[in-house]
Amino acid sequence: MSIRAVRGATQLEVDEREHLLERVAELVKEVLHANDLADEDFVSAIFTATPDIHSEFPAYAARQMGMADVPLICAQELDIAGAMPRVVRLMAHVETDLARDEITHVYLHGAAMLRRDLTHVYAKSDDAV
C-alpha cells in the first residue's frame, strides 16, 4: 500500500447549505467508487471552495458520511478574475495499491471542464445526466 493523492471538484448550482452537502457527498462517493476505495482508506483531505461559497464547510459533508476520525480541513480558493464560480475542490490522501498514474480524478457537473489534461479523469457534466 502507498499513500496517493486523488483530486476532484464539483460545481454548485446555488450556494445553499443542503445543495452543497449533497454535491460534496456525491463527489466523495464518486472518488471512492472510481478508485475502489473505502472510507477507511482516506488518510486526510483538503477541501477548498471559491470565495462565493458561504453556506457551509465542505468537509462537513464528509463528516456526515461517517469520516469522524479522518483529518479534514477547508480553505478558500484564490479569487481569480474569470474563474469558474461556486466550485468545491477536493484533494484526498488515500492508502491504495493503485499506482499514481492509475488514480482516477473525479470532476462533476460544471467542474467537469476543469481538468481535461489529467490522464485518468472521471468527468460527469450536467449535460451527461
Protein backbone atom coordinates (compact mmCIF):
# COMPACT_ATOMS: atom_id res chain seq x y z
CA MET A 1 0.00 0.00 0.00
CA SER A 2 1.08 3.52 -0.77
CA ILE A 3 -0.29 6.93 0.07
CA ARG A 4 -1.58 8.65 -3.07
CA ALA A 5 -3.36 11.93 -3.74
CA VAL A 6 -6.64 11.94 -5.60
CA ARG A 7 -8.25 15.15 -6.85
CA GLY A 8 -11.77 16.13 -7.63
CA ALA A 9 -14.19 19.02 -7.90
CA THR A 10 -17.85 19.79 -8.23
CA GLN A 11 -19.78 22.91 -9.08
CA LEU A 12 -22.83 24.08 -7.17
CA GLU A 13 -25.87 25.45 -8.94
CA VAL A 14 -26.56 27.71 -5.94
CA ASP A 15 -24.80 28.43 -2.65
CA GLU A 16 -27.30 26.73 -0.36
CA ARG A 17 -26.32 24.50 2.56
CA GLU A 18 -28.25 21.34 1.64
CA HIS A 19 -27.22 21.60 -2.02
CA LEU A 20 -23.55 21.98 -1.02
CA LEU A 21 -23.73 18.99 1.34
CA GLU A 22 -25.38 16.89 -1.38
CA ARG A 23 -22.85 17.82 -4.09
CA VAL A 24 -19.80 17.32 -1.82
CA ALA A 25 -21.10 13.95 -0.60
CA GLU A 26 -21.64 12.96 -4.23
CA LEU A 27 -18.04 13.97 -5.02
CA VAL A 28 -16.58 11.97 -2.12
CA LYS A 29 -18.67 8.91 -3.04
CA GLU A 30 -17.59 9.12 -6.69
CA VAL A 31 -13.90 9.40 -5.67
CA LEU A 32 -14.33 6.30 -3.51
CA HIS A 33 -16.14 4.38 -6.24
CA ALA A 34 -13.86 5.39 -9.13
CA ASN A 35 -10.76 4.26 -7.21
CA ASP A 36 -12.26 1.21 -5.45
CA LEU A 37 -11.68 2.80 -2.04
CA ALA A 38 -13.45 2.57 1.30
CA ASP A 39 -13.90 5.35 3.88
CA GLU A 40 -11.08 3.87 5.97
CA ASP A 41 -8.64 4.32 3.04
CA PHE A 42 -8.81 8.12 3.50
CA VAL A 43 -5.73 9.41 5.35
CA SER A 44 -6.68 13.11 5.15
CA ALA A 45 -8.47 15.52 2.87
CA ILE A 46 -8.33 19.18 1.94
CA PHE A 47 -11.46 20.86 0.63
CA THR A 48 -11.34 24.27 -1.00
CA ALA A 49 -14.22 26.50 -2.02
CA THR A 50 -14.35 29.51 -4.27
CA PRO A 51 -14.88 32.81 -2.42
CA ASP A 52 -18.56 32.93 -3.41
CA ILE A 53 -19.43 29.91 -1.20
CA HIS A 54 -20.61 30.78 2.31
CA SER A 55 -23.38 28.30 3.17
CA GLU A 56 -21.37 25.51 4.88
CA PHE A 57 -17.93 23.99 5.34
CA PRO A 58 -17.49 21.38 2.56
CA ALA A 59 -15.72 19.00 4.96
CA TYR A 60 -18.93 18.75 6.97
CA ALA A 61 -20.39 16.58 4.19
CA ALA A 62 -17.60 14.03 4.74
CA ARG A 63 -18.23 14.16 8.49
CA GLN A 64 -21.90 13.40 7.85
CA MET A 65 -20.79 10.37 5.81
CA GLY A 66 -19.03 8.96 8.88
CA MET A 67 -15.47 10.19 8.38
CA ALA A 68 -15.21 11.25 12.01
CA ASP A 69 -11.59 10.18 12.51
CA VAL A 70 -10.16 11.48 9.21
CA PRO A 71 -8.28 14.80 9.41
CA LEU A 72 -10.17 17.24 7.18
CA ILE A 73 -9.61 20.92 6.51
CA CYS A 74 -11.29 23.60 4.43
CA ALA A 75 -9.65 26.56 2.72
CA GLN A 76 -10.67 29.27 0.31
CA GLU A 77 -9.53 29.24 -3.32
CA LEU A 78 -7.79 32.28 -4.75
CA ASP A 79 -10.18 34.92 -6.04
CA ILE A 80 -9.09 34.91 -9.69
CA ALA A 81 -10.96 37.06 -12.20
CA GLY A 82 -12.88 34.89 -14.64
CA ALA A 83 -12.57 31.71 -12.56
CA MET A 84 -15.46 29.25 -12.53
CA PRO A 85 -17.93 30.20 -9.76
CA ARG A 86 -19.28 28.03 -6.91
CA VAL A 87 -16.63 25.30 -7.12
CA VAL A 88 -15.62 22.95 -4.32
CA ARG A 89 -12.34 21.12 -4.86
CA LEU A 90 -11.01 18.08 -3.04
CA MET A 91 -7.51 16.72 -2.62
CA ALA A 92 -7.63 13.49 -0.64
CA HIS A 93 -4.66 11.47 0.55
CA VAL A 94 -5.55 7.79 0.42
CA GLU A 95 -3.99 4.41 1.09
CA THR A 96 -4.19 2.32 -2.08
CA ASP A 97 -2.42 -0.28 -4.18
CA LEU A 98 -3.04 1.86 -7.29
CA ALA A 99 -0.01 3.42 -8.96
CA ARG A 100 -0.05 7.20 -9.25
CA ASP A 101 -0.95 7.01 -12.95
CA GLU A 102 -3.86 4.66 -12.17
CA ILE A 103 -5.66 7.07 -9.83
CA THR A 104 -8.92 8.37 -11.28
CA HIS A 105 -9.61 12.02 -10.52
CA VAL A 106 -13.30 12.98 -10.40
CA TYR A 107 -14.85 16.18 -11.77
CA LEU A 108 -18.62 16.61 -11.60
CA HIS A 109 -21.21 18.98 -13.01
CA GLY A 110 -19.73 22.25 -14.35
CA ALA A 111 -16.36 21.33 -12.84
CA ALA A 112 -16.08 18.55 -15.46
CA MET A 113 -14.46 21.21 -17.67
CA LEU A 114 -11.61 21.97 -15.25
CA ARG A 115 -9.02 19.22 -15.76
CA ARG A 116 -9.13 17.65 -19.19
CA ASP A 117 -5.32 17.41 -19.04
CA LEU A 118 -5.18 14.58 -16.48
CA THR A 119 -4.65 11.00 -17.67
CA HIS A 120 -7.35 9.30 -15.61
CA VAL A 121 -10.39 11.52 -15.16
CA TYR A 122 -13.98 10.67 -14.49
CA ALA A 123 -15.94 13.72 -15.61
CA LYS A 124 -19.72 13.92 -15.45
CA SER A 125 -21.23 17.22 -16.52
CA ASP A 126 -24.86 18.18 -16.03
CA ASP A 127 -25.29 17.68 -19.77
CA ALA A 128 -24.44 13.98 -19.37
CA VAL A 129 -27.31 13.37 -16.92
